[in-house]
Protein backbone atom coordinates (compact mmCIF):
# COMPACT_ATOMS: atom_id res chain seq x y z
CA MET A 1 6.15 10.08 -13.99
CA LYS A 2 6.12 13.68 -13.07
CA PHE A 3 3.29 13.42 -10.42
CA PHE A 4 5.28 10.63 -8.76
CA ARG A 5 8.08 13.11 -8.24
CA LEU A 6 5.75 15.92 -7.07
CA THR A 7 3.93 13.76 -4.57
CA ALA A 8 6.85 11.64 -3.15
CA PHE A 9 7.39 14.27 -0.58
CA PHE A 10 4.00 13.85 0.90
CA LEU A 11 4.75 10.49 2.18
CA LEU A 12 8.11 11.52 3.48
CA THR A 13 6.84 14.50 5.31
CA SER A 14 3.57 12.84 6.73
CA ILE A 15 5.14 9.47 7.95
CA THR A 16 7.86 9.81 10.61
CA PHE A 17 10.12 7.03 11.77
CA SER A 18 10.58 8.55 15.36
CA GLN A 19 8.49 7.99 18.27
CA THR A 20 6.09 10.70 18.39
CA LYS A 21 2.96 11.85 20.23
CA MET A 22 -0.02 10.09 18.58
CA ARG A 23 -1.93 12.51 16.54
CA PRO A 24 -5.81 12.20 16.74
CA VAL A 25 -7.56 10.92 13.58
CA ASN A 26 -9.21 14.16 12.70
CA GLU A 27 -5.86 15.84 12.20
CA LEU A 28 -4.77 12.93 9.78
CA ILE A 29 -7.73 13.44 7.54
CA ASP A 30 -7.37 15.94 4.63
CA GLN A 31 -10.97 17.32 3.78
CA ASN A 32 -9.96 17.86 0.41
CA ASP A 33 -9.02 14.30 -0.38
CA SER A 34 -5.82 15.48 -2.03
CA GLY A 35 -3.97 12.14 -1.62
CA TRP A 36 -6.99 9.89 -2.93
CA LYS A 37 -7.59 12.25 -5.81
CA LEU A 38 -3.97 11.65 -7.16
CA VAL A 39 -4.28 7.65 -6.37
CA LYS A 40 -7.62 7.54 -8.21
CA GLU A 41 -6.22 9.54 -11.18
CA TRP A 42 -3.40 6.88 -11.37
CA ILE A 43 -5.82 3.81 -11.05
CA ASP A 44 -8.13 5.41 -13.76
CA THR A 45 -5.33 5.47 -16.24
CA ALA A 46 -3.66 2.11 -14.95
CA LYS A 47 -2.55 -0.48 -17.49
CA ASN A 48 -2.87 -3.42 -15.22
CA LYS A 49 -6.11 -4.56 -13.48
CA VAL A 50 -6.76 -2.73 -10.15
CA GLU A 51 -9.44 -3.69 -7.93
CA ILE A 52 -10.45 -1.04 -5.22
CA LEU A 53 -11.63 -3.02 -2.18
CA PRO A 54 -14.31 -1.09 -0.07
CA ALA A 55 -13.39 0.56 3.23
CA ASP A 56 -15.32 0.17 6.45
CA PRO A 57 -15.31 3.67 7.84
CA GLN A 58 -14.58 2.75 11.44
CA LYS A 59 -11.69 0.39 10.44
CA ALA A 60 -10.39 3.03 8.18
CA LYS A 61 -10.21 5.45 10.95
CA ASP A 62 -8.58 3.03 13.25
CA ALA A 63 -6.01 2.01 10.67
CA LEU A 64 -5.16 5.51 10.00
CA TYR A 65 -4.72 6.24 13.52
CA GLN A 66 -2.57 3.38 14.14
CA THR A 67 -0.39 4.17 11.28
CA GLN A 68 -0.22 7.83 12.08
CA VAL A 69 -0.03 8.88 8.30
CA THR A 70 -2.07 11.74 6.80
CA THR A 71 -4.62 11.16 3.89
CA SER A 72 -2.69 13.91 2.04
CA SER A 73 -0.26 11.16 1.44
CA PRO A 74 -0.77 8.27 -1.09
CA MET A 75 -0.38 5.68 1.72
CA GLY A 76 -2.72 7.57 4.04
CA ALA A 77 -5.18 7.67 1.14
CA VAL A 78 -5.02 4.06 0.24
CA ILE A 79 -5.48 3.08 4.03
CA TYR A 80 -8.50 5.35 4.74
CA LYS A 81 -10.18 4.99 1.38
CA THR A 82 -9.79 1.37 0.66
CA GLY A 83 -9.77 -1.96 2.27
CA GLY A 84 -6.82 -2.51 0.09
CA LEU A 85 -5.92 -2.91 -3.68
CA LEU A 86 -5.74 -6.07 -5.67
CA ILE A 87 -3.41 -5.85 -8.61
CA ASP A 88 -3.59 -8.20 -11.63
CA ASN A 89 -6.44 -10.43 -10.37
CA GLY A 90 -4.73 -10.51 -6.73
CA TRP A 91 -1.18 -11.32 -7.77
CA ILE A 92 -0.16 -8.32 -5.61
CA ARG A 93 -2.13 -7.14 -2.61
CA ILE A 94 -1.49 -3.50 -1.29
CA LEU A 95 -2.57 -3.12 2.13
CA GLY A 96 -5.12 -0.59 3.32
CA SER A 97 -7.70 -0.84 6.16
CA GLY A 98 -8.85 -4.46 5.55
CA SER A 99 -11.83 -6.03 3.91
CA SER A 100 -13.43 -9.51 3.35
CA LYS A 101 -11.21 -10.09 0.35
CA LEU A 102 -8.00 -8.81 2.04
CA ASN A 103 -8.76 -9.35 5.77
CA ARG A 104 -5.46 -7.65 6.88
CA SER A 105 -5.03 -3.90 7.53
CA LEU A 106 -1.57 -2.42 7.19
CA PRO A 107 -1.07 -1.71 10.83
CA ASP A 108 -2.56 -5.07 11.90
CA TRP A 109 -0.15 -7.00 9.51
CA ASN A 110 2.97 -5.02 10.76
CA LYS A 111 2.03 -5.40 14.42
CA GLY A 112 4.41 -7.95 15.89
CA LYS A 113 6.74 -7.54 12.95
CA SER A 114 7.78 -3.95 12.41
CA PHE A 115 6.49 -2.74 15.61
CA ASN A 116 4.62 -3.77 18.79
CA ASN A 117 2.53 -0.93 19.69
CA ALA A 118 1.10 2.03 17.52
CA GLY A 119 3.19 5.03 17.72
CA GLU A 120 6.43 3.16 18.04
CA ASN A 121 9.46 3.86 15.60
CA PRO A 122 9.22 1.23 12.96
CA SER A 123 12.61 0.49 11.00
CA PHE A 124 10.42 -0.72 8.02
CA LEU A 125 6.74 -1.24 7.10
CA LEU A 126 5.36 -4.24 5.09
CA ILE A 127 3.08 -2.37 2.59
CA ALA A 128 2.22 -5.22 0.16
CA ASP A 129 2.80 -8.81 -0.88
CA ASP A 130 2.34 -11.19 -3.81
CA ALA A 131 0.79 -14.57 -4.45
CA LEU A 132 4.28 -15.89 -4.78
CA GLY A 133 5.10 -15.26 -1.10
CA GLY A 134 7.15 -11.97 -1.86
CA PHE A 135 6.89 -9.00 0.39
CA TYR A 136 7.24 -5.26 -0.30
CA LEU A 137 8.57 -3.07 2.48
CA LEU A 138 9.06 0.53 3.05
CA ASN A 139 12.46 1.46 4.52
CA GLY A 140 12.51 3.25 7.89
CA GLY A 141 16.20 2.60 8.58
CA ALA A 142 16.32 -1.02 8.55
CA PHE A 143 18.05 -1.27 5.14
CA GLY A 144 20.26 1.83 5.09
CA LYS A 145 19.81 5.56 4.65
CA ASP A 146 17.41 5.64 1.76
CA LEU A 147 14.38 6.14 3.99
CA GLY A 148 11.03 6.03 2.21
CA LYS A 149 12.35 3.83 -0.44
CA VAL A 150 10.77 0.36 -1.27
CA TYR A 151 12.42 -2.98 -0.94
CA TYR A 152 11.22 -6.50 -2.17
CA PHE A 153 11.82 -9.42 -0.01
CA SER A 154 12.22 -11.91 -2.82
CA PRO A 155 11.06 -15.52 -2.30
CA ASP A 156 13.65 -16.84 -5.11
CA ASN A 157 16.65 -15.55 -3.34
CA LEU A 158 15.51 -14.53 0.19
CA GLU A 159 17.31 -11.07 -0.29
CA TYR A 160 15.80 -7.67 0.53
CA GLU A 161 16.22 -6.18 -3.13
CA ALA A 162 16.40 -2.43 -3.22
CA LEU A 163 13.75 -1.02 -5.97
CA ASP A 164 14.89 2.58 -5.47
CA ILE A 165 11.24 3.74 -5.68
CA THR A 166 9.19 5.69 -3.17
CA TYR A 167 5.63 4.45 -2.08
CA SER A 168 4.11 6.70 -4.64
CA GLU A 169 6.29 5.19 -7.42
CA PHE A 170 5.51 1.73 -6.07
CA LEU A 171 1.76 2.45 -6.65
CA GLY A 172 2.80 3.53 -10.20
CA PHE A 173 4.79 0.39 -10.58
CA CYS A 174 1.84 -1.86 -9.58
CA PHE A 175 -0.63 0.11 -11.87
CA SER A 176 1.25 0.45 -14.99
CA ASN A 177 4.47 -1.55 -14.91
CA ASP A 178 5.06 -4.54 -17.12
CA LEU A 179 4.51 -7.09 -14.31
CA ASP A 180 5.27 -10.05 -16.64
CA LYS A 181 8.73 -8.71 -17.26
CA PHE A 182 9.24 -8.07 -13.38
CA TYR A 183 8.07 -11.51 -12.58
CA ALA A 184 9.82 -13.23 -15.54
CA GLY A 185 10.26 -16.89 -14.53
CA SER A 186 8.23 -16.65 -11.55
CA ARG A 187 4.60 -17.09 -13.16
CA TRP A 188 3.66 -20.68 -13.55
CA ASN A 189 1.41 -21.78 -16.72
CA ASP A 190 -1.89 -21.75 -14.75
CA TRP A 191 -1.32 -18.80 -12.43
CA LYS A 192 -4.09 -16.67 -13.89
CA LYS A 193 -6.73 -19.36 -13.06
CA GLU A 194 -5.19 -20.29 -9.65
CA VAL A 195 -4.17 -16.86 -8.20
CA PRO A 196 -7.93 -15.64 -7.90
CA GLN A 197 -8.69 -18.61 -5.72
CA LEU A 198 -6.48 -17.29 -2.94
CA GLN A 199 -7.81 -15.72 0.19
CA GLY A 200 -6.19 -12.30 1.14
CA ASP A 201 -4.43 -13.92 3.96
CA GLN A 202 -2.94 -16.88 1.83
CA VAL A 203 0.01 -17.41 -0.56
CA PHE A 204 1.42 -20.20 -2.67
CA ASN A 205 4.19 -22.24 -1.03
CA PHE A 206 6.78 -23.96 -3.39
CA TYR A 207 8.85 -27.08 -2.96
CA PRO A 208 11.70 -27.29 -3.72
CA PHE A 209 12.19 -23.74 -2.69
CA LEU A 210 12.47 -21.26 -5.37
CA TRP A 211 15.92 -20.13 -4.24
CA THR A 212 17.37 -23.63 -4.77
CA GLU A 213 18.70 -25.01 -8.06
CA GLU A 214 15.96 -27.74 -8.02
CA GLY A 215 13.30 -25.06 -7.66
CA SER A 216 14.61 -22.86 -10.55
CA ASP A 217 11.81 -23.91 -12.86
CA ILE A 218 8.59 -22.87 -11.37
CA ASN A 219 6.56 -25.08 -13.56
CA LYS A 220 8.16 -28.18 -12.11
CA VAL A 221 7.86 -27.54 -8.64
CA GLN A 222 5.00 -28.55 -6.30
CA ARG A 223 2.81 -25.76 -4.83
CA LYS A 224 0.33 -25.59 -2.27
CA ILE A 225 -1.74 -22.72 -0.50
CA ILE A 226 -0.64 -21.76 3.04
CA PRO A 227 -1.34 -18.85 5.34
CA ILE A 228 0.62 -15.79 4.56
CA GLU A 229 1.72 -15.52 8.21
CA GLU A 230 3.41 -18.91 7.89
CA GLN A 231 5.19 -18.01 4.70
CA TYR A 232 6.57 -14.95 6.14
CA SER A 233 7.96 -16.66 9.25
CA LEU A 234 9.35 -19.40 6.92
CA ASN A 235 11.05 -16.93 4.77
CA LEU A 236 12.64 -15.13 7.87
CA ASP A 237 13.81 -18.54 9.32
CA LEU A 238 15.22 -19.76 6.21
CA ARG A 239 17.02 -16.51 5.60
CA LYS A 240 18.49 -16.75 8.97
CA GLN A 241 19.54 -20.50 8.51
CA LEU A 242 21.25 -19.49 5.30
CA GLY A 243 23.26 -16.79 7.11
CA HIS A 244 21.87 -13.80 5.30
């Protein structure tokens, strides 16, 4: 875990949560690929299956510019070097610059949710999501003073759960953590067959809802595939209705 601690500062120093003048893309690209070298090293030693989706060079530059992070940071490296990362056969989707298998870039997915125009001050960033309809967010002030820490918007309680990890540590969590343990009770019997069938802009929707007593056994609830945009809006609406 030492390299996570050593590199956590890259993200905090290269992504700012204040309104700043947009830096040109050439200033955001580290010619030594320092961020990607680290990320690739972690992927090469990962315990979980990691699929690196190819990046389109122009889309990668556009996404990097819109996000305003440098490629010396792990986040910037993922955005610039990948179309995204699929973890555990697509159970978790880490956003990059978009690809045919994950046709959402990080800035495109955040636009209208955490910011309206590139260069604005986002109070959070959506960085990844899972097949279950859960969302991973990077705190930019929306959830308290722990800036740069990751939260999980959980579909089984509609709460923002503090994971107390940085973006770098989140990658480590995805690559090598025991995901069966983290998702205990949330993986149905045939998930390994069904999850790979999802498109990158789809999730499973469950009824009764997973946060209800009737939905507590995931093997007994009904599930269908719906657009992820629809699920995200539904989660927010239900959270508001419940008075969270």
